[in-house]
Amino acid sequence: MKKIPKLIFIISIIVLVAGAGVGVWYWWQHQKTNQGPTNQSAIDGISQGYNGAIQPEPDDPQNNHFNVVYDKANNLKLDLYIPEAGKAPYPVIIYAHGGGWFTGDKRSLDSKTWVTDLAENGFAVASVNYRLAPDNIYPTAIEDIEAAYQFLQSNADEYQLDIAKVGSLGTSAGGQISSLWAFKKNEAASQKIIKAAILLWTPSDLTDPAIPEETRGYINDFLGDPSQAAEASPVNHITKYSPPSLLAHGDKDNVVPYEQSVRFVEKLKGAGVKSRLIQVLNGVHYFVESSAQIRPTRNQLQKQMVDFYRTYLYK
């Protein structure tokens, strides 16, 4: 009889230890789910945004214009999305895709997500292909965005564009390219030519010592000459003429430090420029909604982008 209590005691201990082990395992899975991947590399971030998937043209392009050559000398093309509703002429947003400066396309999966949503909400959107590194170094890509702008300006009547109401948009490396173009254009003209800018998970300070080594390699390939890093940093071209800006950045971005966008908005506000940063909770580089409990969601972020452009491009 004395052996039975001892046996019960041993079994109880085993059950408790096993239960604790299961509890720890479930806690760990929950933590991973809520935190998302924290070891995202630069190439992971680029591939998640670009995805290598070029989206086909729709069977019925409506009023859209695809593969329009805007620079004949370099055979550079853009896709121009024209709203199906609303009153022409339309405000126009010039979009530069991401891809670490060396890859990506105007019709990649990530590009199509942002571009088509804006077009459905009344904006004409030009999704631009630009020359890529390392064969083409800074400032080639910025010059290409300017060439696209000049083309749209020259053909505004044909495409029913209100070229007096221009916004810029870019993701990741495309955010650096598009915002640098927009900020330098306003800086040089000392007037507000570009009315609004949106930067999504953008490297805005290429001199930042906190930039991961792998990302630094892509930056150096883009620059050609690393001494150009300060000149190529949008944060160094902020003036009182800079366009109102909306930034979004994941707080768990291991490719481009989240703090870059914090400092960028602080400097914009210091110059008297209306600006706002959306912190994407549990967000890594690009918008990988399945990786964590993301807030805001992609749909919520897209709505805020539409509202932002409506505020500044419909004035």
C-alpha atoms as a PDB file:
ATOM      1  CA  MET A   1       0.000   0.000   0.000  1.00  0.00           C
ATOM      2  CA  LYS A   2       2.897   2.346   0.714  1.00  0.00           C
ATOM      3  CA  LYS A   3       4.123   2.019  -2.877  1.00  0.00           C
ATOM      4  CA  ILE A   4       0.882   3.424  -4.350  1.00  0.00           C
ATOM      5  CA  PRO A   5       1.211   6.993  -2.954  1.00  0.00           C
ATOM      6  CA  LYS A   6       4.822   7.074  -4.148  1.00  0.00           C
ATOM      7  CA  LEU A   7       3.768   5.964  -7.636  1.00  0.00           C
ATOM      8  CA  ILE A   8       1.017   8.582  -7.719  1.00  0.00           C
ATOM      9  CA  PHE A   9       3.554  11.200  -6.666  1.00  0.00           C
ATOM     10  CA  ILE A  10       5.966  10.241  -9.476  1.00  0.00           C
ATOM     11  CA  ILE A  11       3.183  10.259 -12.079  1.00  0.00           C
ATOM     12  CA  SER A  12       2.039  13.668 -10.849  1.00  0.00           C
ATOM     13  CA  ILE A  13       5.544  15.084 -11.264  1.00  0.00           C
ATOM     14  CA  ILE A  14       5.804  13.673 -14.810  1.00  0.00           C
ATOM     15  CA  VAL A  15       2.435  15.187 -15.757  1.00  0.00           C
ATOM     16  CA  LEU A  16       3.412  18.562 -14.331  1.00  0.00           C
ATOM     17  CA  VAL A  17       6.752  18.617 -16.169  1.00  0.00           C
ATOM     18  CA  ALA A  18       5.140  17.540 -19.441  1.00  0.00           C
ATOM     19  CA  GLY A  19       2.405  20.134 -19.054  1.00  0.00           C
ATOM     20  CA  ALA A  20       4.951  22.853 -18.372  1.00  0.00           C
ATOM     21  CA  GLY A  21       6.895  21.809 -21.452  1.00  0.00           C
ATOM     22  CA  VAL A  22       3.808  21.989 -23.646  1.00  0.00           C
ATOM     23  CA  GLY A  23       2.933  25.364 -22.156  1.00  0.00           C
ATOM     24  CA  VAL A  24       6.393  26.752 -22.909  1.00  0.00           C
ATOM     25  CA  TRP A  25       6.190  25.439 -26.488  1.00  0.00           C
ATOM     26  CA  TYR A  26       2.851  27.127 -27.094  1.00  0.00           C
ATOM     27  CA  TRP A  27       4.125  30.367 -25.553  1.00  0.00           C
ATOM     28  CA  TRP A  28       7.154  30.296 -27.833  1.00  0.00           C
ATOM     29  CA  GLN A  29       4.998  29.734 -30.930  1.00  0.00           C
ATOM     30  CA  HIS A  30       2.772  32.614 -29.866  1.00  0.00           C
ATOM     31  CA  GLN A  31       5.782  34.855 -29.403  1.00  0.00           C
ATOM     32  CA  LYS A  32       7.121  33.998 -32.849  1.00  0.00           C
ATOM     33  CA  THR A  33       3.735  34.683 -34.399  1.00  0.00           C
ATOM     34  CA  ASN A  34       3.370  38.061 -32.750  1.00  0.00           C
ATOM     35  CA  GLN A  35       6.926  39.201 -33.264  1.00  0.00           C
ATOM     36  CA  GLY A  36       7.416  38.103 -36.871  1.00  0.00           C
ATOM     37  CA  PRO A  37      10.815  37.223 -38.336  1.00  0.00           C
ATOM     38  CA  THR A  38      13.564  39.268 -36.727  1.00  0.00           C
ATOM     39  CA  ASN A  39      16.414  37.838 -38.785  1.00  0.00           C
ATOM     40  CA  GLN A  40      15.226  39.144 -42.135  1.00  0.00           C
ATOM     41  CA  SER A  41      18.168  39.736 -44.459  1.00  0.00           C
ATOM     42  CA  ALA A  42      18.381  42.412 -47.124  1.00  0.00           C
ATOM     43  CA  ILE A  43      17.880  39.908 -49.925  1.00  0.00           C
ATOM     44  CA  ASP A  44      14.877  38.440 -48.062  1.00  0.00           C
ATOM     45  CA  GLY A  45      13.317  41.878 -47.832  1.00  0.00           C
ATOM     46  CA  ILE A  46      13.943  42.625 -51.493  1.00  0.00           C
ATOM     47  CA  SER A  47      12.602  39.285 -52.697  1.00  0.00           C
ATOM     48  CA  GLN A  48       9.483  39.535 -50.527  1.00  0.00           C
ATOM     49  CA  GLY A  49       8.613  42.867 -52.068  1.00  0.00           C
ATOM     50  CA  TYR A  50       9.640  42.135 -55.626  1.00  0.00           C
ATOM     51  CA  ASN A  51       8.766  38.442 -55.629  1.00  0.00           C
ATOM     52  CA  GLY A  52      10.127  38.035 -59.160  1.00  0.00           C
ATOM     53  CA  ALA A  53       6.554  37.871 -60.434  1.00  0.00           C
ATOM     54  CA  ILE A  54       5.722  40.215 -63.288  1.00  0.00           C
ATOM     55  CA  GLN A  55       1.986  40.687 -63.465  1.00  0.00           C
ATOM     56  CA  PRO A  56       0.442  40.459 -66.943  1.00  0.00           C
ATOM     57  CA  GLU A  57      -1.534  43.211 -68.588  1.00  0.00           C
ATOM     58  CA  PRO A  58      -5.276  42.767 -68.133  1.00  0.00           C
ATOM     59  CA  ASP A  59      -7.273  41.516 -71.113  1.00  0.00           C
ATOM     60  CA  ASP A  60      -9.151  44.808 -71.183  1.00  0.00           C
ATOM     61  CA  PRO A  61      -6.797  47.643 -70.235  1.00  0.00           C
ATOM     62  CA  GLN A  62      -9.647  50.186 -70.170  1.00  0.00           C
ATOM     63  CA  ASN A  63      -8.035  53.615 -70.535  1.00  0.00           C
ATOM     64  CA  ASN A  64      -4.637  52.474 -69.288  1.00  0.00           C
ATOM     65  CA  HIS A  65      -1.450  52.816 -71.300  1.00  0.00           C
ATOM     66  CA  PHE A  66       1.155  50.086 -70.851  1.00  0.00           C
ATOM     67  CA  ASN A  67       4.831  50.023 -71.859  1.00  0.00           C
ATOM     68  CA  VAL A  68       4.851  53.645 -72.944  1.00  0.00           C
ATOM     69  CA  VAL A  69       8.377  54.640 -73.975  1.00  0.00           C
ATOM     70  CA  TYR A  70       9.259  57.805 -72.097  1.00  0.00           C
ATOM     71  CA  ASP A  71      12.996  57.780 -72.916  1.00  0.00           C
ATOM     72  CA  LYS A  72      13.746  56.550 -76.438  1.00  0.00           C
ATOM     73  CA  ALA A  73      17.518  56.821 -76.060  1.00  0.00           C
ATOM     74  CA  ASN A  74      17.539  54.277 -73.227  1.00  0.00           C
ATOM     75  CA  ASN A  75      14.317  52.457 -74.161  1.00  0.00           C
ATOM     76  CA  LEU A  76      12.790  53.193 -70.767  1.00  0.00           C
ATOM     77  CA  LYS A  77       9.083  52.496 -70.277  1.00  0.00           C
ATOM     78  CA  LEU A  78       6.290  53.285 -67.886  1.00  0.00           C
ATOM     79  CA  ASP A  79       2.769  51.995 -67.268  1.00  0.00           C
ATOM     80  CA  LEU A  80       0.162  54.717 -66.914  1.00  0.00           C
ATOM     81  CA  TYR A  81      -3.008  53.810 -65.041  1.00  0.00           C
ATOM     82  CA  ILE A  82      -5.966  56.111 -65.725  1.00  0.00           C
ATOM     83  CA  PRO A  83      -8.931  56.125 -63.319  1.00  0.00           C
ATOM     84  CA  GLU A  84     -12.173  54.679 -64.660  1.00  0.00           C
ATOM     85  CA  ALA A  85     -14.158  57.153 -62.554  1.00  0.00           C
ATOM     86  CA  GLY A  86     -13.755  60.766 -61.533  1.00  0.00           C
ATOM     87  CA  LYS A  87     -13.343  63.973 -63.423  1.00  0.00           C
ATOM     88  CA  ALA A  88     -10.402  64.644 -65.757  1.00  0.00           C
ATOM     89  CA  PRO A  89      -7.790  66.014 -65.738  1.00  0.00           C
ATOM     90  CA  TYR A  90      -6.516  63.682 -63.020  1.00  0.00           C
ATOM     91  CA  PRO A  91      -3.864  64.290 -60.370  1.00  0.00           C
ATOM     92  CA  VAL A  92      -0.877  62.107 -61.183  1.00  0.00           C
ATOM     93  CA  ILE A  93       1.375  60.050 -58.895  1.00  0.00           C
ATOM     94  CA  ILE A  94       4.807  58.948 -60.103  1.00  0.00           C
ATOM     95  CA  TYR A  95       5.766  55.599 -58.600  1.00  0.00           C
ATOM     96  CA  ALA A  96       9.258  54.058 -58.344  1.00  0.00           C
ATOM     97  CA  HIS A  97       9.400  50.332 -57.555  1.00  0.00           C
ATOM     98  CA  GLY A  98      11.663  48.735 -54.969  1.00  0.00           C
ATOM     99  CA  GLY A  99      14.286  46.058 -55.465  1.00  0.00           C
ATOM    100  CA  GLY A 100      17.528  47.178 -53.824  1.00  0.00           C
ATOM    101  CA  TRP A 101      18.379  49.411 -56.799  1.00  0.00           C
ATOM    102  CA  PHE A 102      19.459  46.355 -58.800  1.00  0.00           C
ATOM    103  CA  THR A 103      16.205  44.535 -59.537  1.00  0.00           C
ATOM    104  CA  GLY A 104      12.433  45.037 -59.611  1.00  0.00           C
ATOM    105  CA  ASP A 105       9.942  46.098 -62.236  1.00  0.00           C
ATOM    106  CA  LYS A 106       7.059  48.522 -62.766  1.00  0.00           C
ATOM    107  CA  ARG A 107       4.667  45.585 -62.957  1.00  0.00           C
ATOM    108  CA  SER A 108       5.979  43.431 -60.122  1.00  0.00           C
ATOM    109  CA  LEU A 109       3.514  42.023 -57.616  1.00  0.00           C
ATOM    110  CA  ASP A 110       4.280  44.680 -55.015  1.00  0.00           C
ATOM    111  CA  SER A 111       4.101  47.518 -57.542  1.00  0.00           C
ATOM    112  CA  LYS A 112       0.696  46.446 -58.814  1.00  0.00           C
ATOM    113  CA  THR A 113      -0.745  46.340 -55.307  1.00  0.00           C
ATOM    114  CA  TRP A 114      -0.149  50.003 -54.542  1.00  0.00           C
ATOM    115  CA  VAL A 115      -0.616  51.364 -58.058  1.00  0.00           C
ATOM    116  CA  THR A 116      -3.938  49.766 -58.915  1.00  0.00           C
ATOM    117  CA  ASP A 117      -5.473  50.701 -55.575  1.00  0.00           C
ATOM    118  CA  LEU A 118      -4.619  54.367 -56.108  1.00  0.00           C
ATOM    119  CA  ALA A 119      -5.948  54.288 -59.666  1.00  0.00           C
ATOM    120  CA  GLU A 120      -9.210  52.821 -58.423  1.00  0.00           C
ATOM    121  CA  ASN A 121      -9.509  55.814 -56.094  1.00  0.00           C
ATOM    122  CA  GLY A 122      -9.265  58.536 -58.729  1.00  0.00           C
ATOM    123  CA  PHE A 123      -5.538  59.082 -59.294  1.00  0.00           C
ATOM    124  CA  ALA A 124      -3.575  58.595 -62.497  1.00  0.00           C
ATOM    125  CA  VAL A 125      -0.453  56.615 -61.598  1.00  0.00           C
ATOM    126  CA  ALA A 126       2.717  56.285 -63.651  1.00  0.00           C
ATOM    127  CA  SER A 127       4.669  53.187 -62.628  1.00  0.00           C
ATOM    128  CA  VAL A 128       8.170  53.808 -63.928  1.00  0.00           C
ATOM    129  CA  ASN A 129      11.021  51.511 -64.887  1.00  0.00           C
ATOM    130  CA  TYR A 130      14.413  53.112 -64.298  1.00  0.00           C
ATOM    131  CA  ARG A 131      17.957  51.999 -65.039  1.00  0.00           C
ATOM    132  CA  LEU A 132      19.350  49.596 -62.460  1.00  0.00           C
ATOM    133  CA  ALA A 133      22.637  49.237 -60.573  1.00  0.00           C
ATOM    134  CA  PRO A 134      25.404  48.238 -60.711  1.00  0.00           C
ATOM    135  CA  ASP A 135      25.608  49.013 -64.431  1.00  0.00           C
ATOM    136  CA  ASN A 136      23.954  52.371 -63.817  1.00  0.00           C
ATOM    137  CA  ILE A 137      25.047  54.311 -60.756  1.00  0.00           C
ATOM    138  CA  TYR A 138      23.760  57.386 -58.947  1.00  0.00           C
ATOM    139  CA  PRO A 139      22.244  59.736 -60.066  1.00  0.00           C
ATOM    140  CA  THR A 140      21.008  57.797 -63.118  1.00  0.00           C
ATOM    141  CA  ALA A 141      17.773  56.501 -61.535  1.00  0.00           C
ATOM    142  CA  ILE A 142      16.821  59.956 -60.258  1.00  0.00           C
ATOM    143  CA  GLU A 143      17.435  61.389 -63.729  1.00  0.00           C
ATOM    144  CA  ASP A 144      15.123  58.717 -65.137  1.00  0.00           C
ATOM    145  CA  ILE A 145      12.267  59.745 -62.837  1.00  0.00           C
ATOM    146  CA  GLU A 146      12.759  63.338 -63.974  1.00  0.00           C
ATOM    147  CA  ALA A 147      12.643  62.175 -67.604  1.00  0.00           C
ATOM    148  CA  ALA A 148       9.363  60.379 -66.888  1.00  0.00           C
ATOM    149  CA  TYR A 149       7.983  63.560 -65.303  1.00  0.00           C
ATOM    150  CA  GLN A 150       9.015  65.638 -68.330  1.00  0.00           C
ATOM    151  CA  PHE A 151       7.345  63.124 -70.643  1.00  0.00           C
ATOM    152  CA  LEU A 152       4.102  63.236 -68.667  1.00  0.00           C
ATOM    153  CA  GLN A 153       4.220  67.013 -68.601  1.00  0.00           C
ATOM    154  CA  SER A 154       4.649  67.157 -72.387  1.00  0.00           C
ATOM    155  CA  ASN A 155       1.793  64.700 -72.941  1.00  0.00           C
ATOM    156  CA  ALA A 156      -0.549  65.822 -70.175  1.00  0.00           C
ATOM    157  CA  ASP A 157      -3.378  66.751 -72.552  1.00  0.00           C
ATOM    158  CA  GLU A 158      -3.259  63.410 -74.373  1.00  0.00           C
ATOM    159  CA  TYR A 159      -3.442  61.438 -71.122  1.00  0.00           C
ATOM    160  CA  GLN A 160      -5.795  63.868 -69.317  1.00  0.00           C
ATOM    161  CA  LEU A 161      -3.345  64.626 -66.520  1.00  0.00           C
ATOM    162  CA  ASP A 162      -3.308  67.590 -64.176  1.00  0.00           C
ATOM    163  CA  ILE A 163       0.437  68.126 -64.167  1.00  0.00           C
ATOM    164  CA  ALA A 164       0.052  70.896 -61.586  1.00  0.00           C
ATOM    165  CA  LYS A 165      -0.966  68.220 -59.067  1.00  0.00           C
ATOM    166  CA  VAL A 166       1.881  65.713 -58.905  1.00  0.00           C
ATOM    167  CA  GLY A 167       2.732  63.325 -56.078  1.00  0.00           C
ATOM    168  CA  SER A 168       5.599  60.891 -55.614  1.00  0.00           C
ATOM    169  CA  LEU A 169       5.523  57.346 -54.254  1.00  0.00           C
ATOM    170  CA  GLY A 170       8.182  54.712 -53.725  1.00  0.00           C
ATOM    171  CA  THR A 171       8.851  51.516 -51.819  1.00  0.00           C
ATOM    172  CA  SER A 172      12.233  50.710 -50.268  1.00  0.00           C
ATOM    173  CA  ALA A 173      14.960  51.682 -52.776  1.00  0.00           C
ATOM    174  CA  GLY A 174      12.216  53.177 -54.927  1.00  0.00           C
ATOM    175  CA  GLY A 175      11.282  55.363 -51.966  1.00  0.00           C
ATOM    176  CA  GLN A 176      14.829  56.720 -51.836  1.00  0.00           C
ATOM    177  CA  ILE A 177      14.760  57.405 -55.575  1.00  0.00           C
ATOM    178  CA  SER A 178      11.307  58.978 -55.744  1.00  0.00           C
ATOM    179  CA  SER A 179      11.646  61.089 -52.588  1.00  0.00           C
ATOM    180  CA  LEU A 180      15.136  62.309 -53.491  1.00  0.00           C
ATOM    181  CA  TRP A 181      13.768  63.370 -56.891  1.00  0.00           C
ATOM    182  CA  ALA A 182      10.776  65.112 -55.306  1.00  0.00           C
ATOM    183  CA  PHE A 183      12.733  66.871 -52.567  1.00  0.00           C
ATOM    184  CA  LYS A 184      15.515  68.026 -54.878  1.00  0.00           C
ATOM    185  CA  LYS A 185      12.996  69.231 -57.449  1.00  0.00           C
ATOM    186  CA  ASN A 186      11.225  71.390 -54.867  1.00  0.00           C
ATOM    187  CA  GLU A 187      14.557  72.452 -53.375  1.00  0.00           C
ATOM    188  CA  ALA A 188      15.958  73.590 -56.721  1.00  0.00           C
ATOM    189  CA  ALA A 189      12.821  75.418 -57.785  1.00  0.00           C
ATOM    190  CA  SER A 190      12.180  76.993 -54.380  1.00  0.00           C
ATOM    191  CA  GLN A 191       8.500  76.274 -54.882  1.00  0.00           C
ATOM    192  CA  LYS A 192       6.197  73.363 -54.297  1.00  0.00           C
ATOM    193  CA  ILE A 193       6.169  71.604 -57.683  1.00  0.00           C
ATOM    194  CA  ILE A 194       5.656  68.178 -56.096  1.00  0.00           C
ATOM    195  CA  LYS A 195       2.596  68.440 -53.874  1.00  0.00           C
ATOM    196  CA  ALA A 196       2.838  65.239 -51.808  1.00  0.00           C
ATOM    197  CA  ALA A 197       5.242  62.370 -51.152  1.00  0.00           C
ATOM    198  CA  ILE A 198       4.746  58.909 -49.688  1.00  0.00           C
ATOM    199  CA  LEU A 199       7.772  56.869 -48.611  1.00  0.00           C
ATOM    200  CA  LEU A 200       7.301  53.219 -47.699  1.00  0.00           C
ATOM    201  CA  TRP A 201      10.122  51.566 -45.636  1.00  0.00           C
ATOM    202  CA  THR A 202      12.586  53.934 -47.300  1.00  0.00           C
ATOM    203  CA  PRO A 203      16.348  54.264 -46.753  1.00  0.00           C
ATOM    204  CA  SER A 204      16.401  58.035 -46.297  1.00  0.00           C
ATOM    205  CA  ASP A 205      19.894  58.378 -44.786  1.00  0.00           C
ATOM    206  CA  LEU A 206      22.502  56.388 -46.692  1.00  0.00           C
ATOM    207  CA  THR A 207      25.234  57.451 -44.257  1.00  0.00           C
ATOM    208  CA  ASP A 208      23.534  55.847 -41.237  1.00  0.00           C
ATOM    209  CA  PRO A 209      26.075  53.611 -39.430  1.00  0.00           C
ATOM    210  CA  ALA A 210      23.178  51.422 -38.219  1.00  0.00           C
ATOM    211  CA  ILE A 211      22.456  50.202 -41.762  1.00  0.00           C
ATOM    212  CA  PRO A 212      23.139  46.425 -41.902  1.00  0.00           C
ATOM    213  CA  GLU A 213      26.270  45.360 -43.765  1.00  0.00           C
ATOM    214  CA  GLU A 214      24.327  43.510 -46.469  1.00  0.00           C
ATOM    215  CA  THR A 215      22.167  46.545 -47.165  1.00  0.00           C
ATOM    216  CA  ARG A 216      25.291  48.703 -47.242  1.00  0.00           C
ATOM    217  CA  GLY A 217      26.598  46.558 -50.088  1.00  0.00           C
ATOM    218  CA  TYR A 218      23.533  47.320 -52.209  1.00  0.00           C
ATOM    219  CA  ILE A 219      23.845  51.012 -51.399  1.00  0.00           C
ATOM    220  CA  ASN A 220      27.485  51.095 -52.480  1.00  0.00           C
ATOM    221  CA  ASP A 221      26.622  49.344 -55.750  1.00  0.00           C
ATOM    222  CA  PHE A 222      23.944  51.975 -56.366  1.00  0.00           C
ATOM    223  CA  LEU A 223      26.234  54.887 -55.512  1.00  0.00           C
ATOM    224  CA  GLY A 224      29.333  53.663 -57.313  1.00  0.00           C
ATOM    225  CA  ASP A 225      31.272  56.136 -55.184  1.00  0.00           C
ATOM    226  CA  PRO A 226      30.455  55.766 -51.450  1.00  0.00           C
ATOM    227  CA  SER A 227      31.392  59.400 -50.868  1.00  0.00           C
ATOM    228  CA  GLN A 228      28.102  60.274 -52.604  1.00  0.00           C
ATOM    229  CA  ALA A 229      26.068  58.797 -49.737  1.00  0.00           C
ATOM    230  CA  ALA A 230      25.254  62.121 -48.066  1.00  0.00           C
ATOM    231  CA  GLU A 231      24.305  63.791 -51.346  1.00  0.00           C
ATOM    232  CA  ALA A 232      22.044  60.851 -52.256  1.00  0.00           C
ATOM    233  CA  SER A 233      20.233  60.904 -48.895  1.00  0.00           C
ATOM    234  CA  PRO A 234      16.741  62.466 -49.049  1.00  0.00           C
ATOM    235  CA  VAL A 235      17.048  63.556 -45.409  1.00  0.00           C
ATOM    236  CA  ASN A 236      19.749  66.034 -46.472  1.00  0.00           C
ATOM    237  CA  HIS A 237      17.473  67.790 -48.951  1.00  0.00           C
ATOM    238  CA  ILE A 238      14.678  68.831 -46.633  1.00  0.00           C
ATOM    239  CA  THR A 239      13.681  72.493 -46.875  1.00  0.00           C
ATOM    240  CA  LYS A 240      10.555  74.490 -46.152  1.00  0.00           C
ATOM    241  CA  TYR A 241       9.582  73.788 -49.774  1.00  0.00           C
ATOM    242  CA  SER A 242       9.620  70.006 -49.319  1.00  0.00           C
ATOM    243  CA  PRO A 243       6.313  68.297 -50.086  1.00  0.00           C
ATOM    244  CA  PRO A 244       4.004  67.143 -47.300  1.00  0.00           C
ATOM    245  CA  SER A 245       5.113  63.599 -46.583  1.00  0.00           C
ATOM    246  CA  LEU A 246       3.605  60.387 -45.281  1.00  0.00           C
ATOM    247  CA  LEU A 247       6.000  57.653 -44.193  1.00  0.00           C
ATOM    248  CA  ALA A 248       5.285  54.050 -43.225  1.00  0.00           C
ATOM    249  CA  HIS A 249       7.926  51.756 -41.756  1.00  0.00           C
ATOM    250  CA  GLY A 250       7.942  48.424 -39.958  1.00  0.00           C
ATOM    251  CA  ASP A 251       9.274  48.556 -36.407  1.00  0.00           C
ATOM    252  CA  LYS A 252      11.004  45.194 -36.913  1.00  0.00           C
ATOM    253  CA  ASP A 253      12.696  46.100 -40.196  1.00  0.00           C
ATOM    254  CA  ASN A 254      16.171  44.498 -40.221  1.00  0.00           C
ATOM    255  CA  VAL A 255      16.972  45.780 -43.713  1.00  0.00           C
ATOM    256  CA  VAL A 256      16.412  49.525 -43.289  1.00  0.00           C
ATOM    257  CA  PRO A 257      16.364  50.792 -39.671  1.00  0.00           C
ATOM    258  CA  TYR A 258      12.947  52.042 -38.553  1.00  0.00           C
ATOM    259  CA  GLU A 259      14.658  54.929 -36.742  1.00  0.00           C
ATOM    260  CA  GLN A 260      15.564  56.454 -40.117  1.00  0.00           C
ATOM    261  CA  SER A 261      11.917  57.303 -40.745  1.00  0.00           C
ATOM    262  CA  VAL A 262      11.564  58.646 -37.187  1.00  0.00           C
ATOM    263  CA  ARG A 263      14.441  61.081 -37.754  1.00  0.00           C
ATOM    264  CA  PHE A 264      13.196  61.969 -41.219  1.00  0.00           C
ATOM    265  CA  VAL A 265       9.781  63.049 -39.937  1.00  0.00           C
ATOM    266  CA  GLU A 266      11.365  64.963 -37.052  1.00  0.00           C
ATOM    267  CA  LYS A 267      13.486  66.940 -39.506  1.00  0.00           C
ATOM    268  CA  LEU A 268      10.498  67.579 -41.792  1.00  0.00           C
ATOM    269  CA  LYS A 269       8.500  68.946 -38.878  1.00  0.00           C
ATOM    270  CA  GLY A 270      11.470  71.054 -37.835  1.00  0.00           C
ATOM    271  CA  ALA A 271      11.422  72.640 -41.302  1.00  0.00           C
ATOM    272  CA  GLY A 272       7.708  73.340 -40.985  1.00  0.00           C
ATOM    273  CA  VAL A 273       6.661  70.615 -43.433  1.00  0.00           C
ATOM    274  CA  LYS A 274       3.490  68.687 -42.692  1.00  0.00           C
ATOM    275  CA  SER A 275       4.434  65.056 -42.209  1.00  0.00           C
ATOM    276  CA  ARG A 276       3.456  61.877 -40.425  1.00  0.00           C
ATOM    277  CA  LEU A 277       4.961  58.466 -39.731  1.00  0.00           C
ATOM    278  CA  ILE A 278       2.857  55.319 -39.627  1.00  0.00           C
ATOM    279  CA  GLN A 279       4.578  52.756 -37.431  1.00  0.00           C
ATOM    280  CA  VAL A 280       3.770  49.320 -38.821  1.00  0.00           C
ATOM    281  CA  LEU A 281       3.668  47.237 -35.652  1.00  0.00           C
ATOM    282  CA  ASN A 282       5.482  43.904 -36.041  1.00  0.00           C
ATOM    283  CA  GLY A 283       6.308  44.907 -39.623  1.00  0.00           C
ATOM    284  CA  VAL A 284       9.454  43.692 -41.333  1.00  0.00           C
ATOM    285  CA  HIS A 285      10.828  45.142 -44.575  1.00  0.00           C
ATOM    286  CA  TYR A 286       8.129  45.548 -47.168  1.00  0.00           C
ATOM    287  CA  PHE A 287       4.637  44.532 -46.115  1.00  0.00           C
ATOM    288  CA  VAL A 288       4.537  40.827 -45.344  1.00  0.00           C
ATOM    289  CA  GLU A 289       1.135  40.567 -43.717  1.00  0.00           C
ATOM    290  CA  SER A 290       1.307  36.829 -43.046  1.00  0.00           C
ATOM    291  CA  SER A 291       4.527  37.169 -41.044  1.00  0.00           C
ATOM    292  CA  ALA A 292       2.995  38.630 -37.890  1.00  0.00           C
ATOM    293  CA  GLN A 293       0.089  40.430 -36.297  1.00  0.00           C
ATOM    294  CA  ILE A 294       0.533  43.480 -38.505  1.00  0.00           C
ATOM    295  CA  ARG A 295      -1.087  46.787 -37.559  1.00  0.00           C
ATOM    296  CA  PRO A 296      -2.190  48.612 -39.571  1.00  0.00           C
ATOM    297  CA  THR A 297      -3.193  45.976 -42.091  1.00  0.00           C
ATOM    298  CA  ARG A 298      -2.334  46.486 -45.746  1.00  0.00           C
ATOM    299  CA  ASN A 299      -5.892  47.593 -46.508  1.00  0.00           C
ATOM    300  CA  GLN A 300      -5.813  50.080 -43.650  1.00  0.00           C
ATOM    301  CA  LEU A 301      -2.478  51.450 -44.837  1.00  0.00           C
ATOM    302  CA  GLN A 302      -3.735  51.791 -48.393  1.00  0.00           C
ATOM    303  CA  LYS A 303      -6.768  53.741 -47.162  1.00  0.00           C
ATOM    304  CA  GLN A 304      -4.507  56.144 -45.267  1.00  0.00           C
ATOM    305  CA  MET A 305      -2.411  56.618 -48.407  1.00  0.00           C
ATOM    306  CA  VAL A 306      -5.501  57.434 -50.466  1.00  0.00           C
ATOM    307  CA  ASP A 307      -6.722  59.893 -47.831  1.00  0.00           C
ATOM    308  CA  PHE A 308      -3.299  61.563 -47.736  1.00  0.00           C
ATOM    309  CA  TYR A 309      -3.146  62.084 -51.495  1.00  0.00           C
ATOM    310  CA  ARG A 310      -6.727  63.343 -51.531  1.00  0.00           C
ATOM    311  CA  THR A 311      -5.807  65.958 -48.955  1.00  0.00           C
ATOM    312  CA  TYR A 312      -2.860  67.372 -50.903  1.00  0.00           C
ATOM    313  CA  LEU A 313      -3.540  66.567 -54.569  1.00  0.00           C
ATOM    314  CA  TYR A 314      -7.139  67.748 -54.698  1.00  0.00           C
ATOM    315  CA  LYS A 315      -6.450  71.241 -53.357  1.00  0.00           C
END
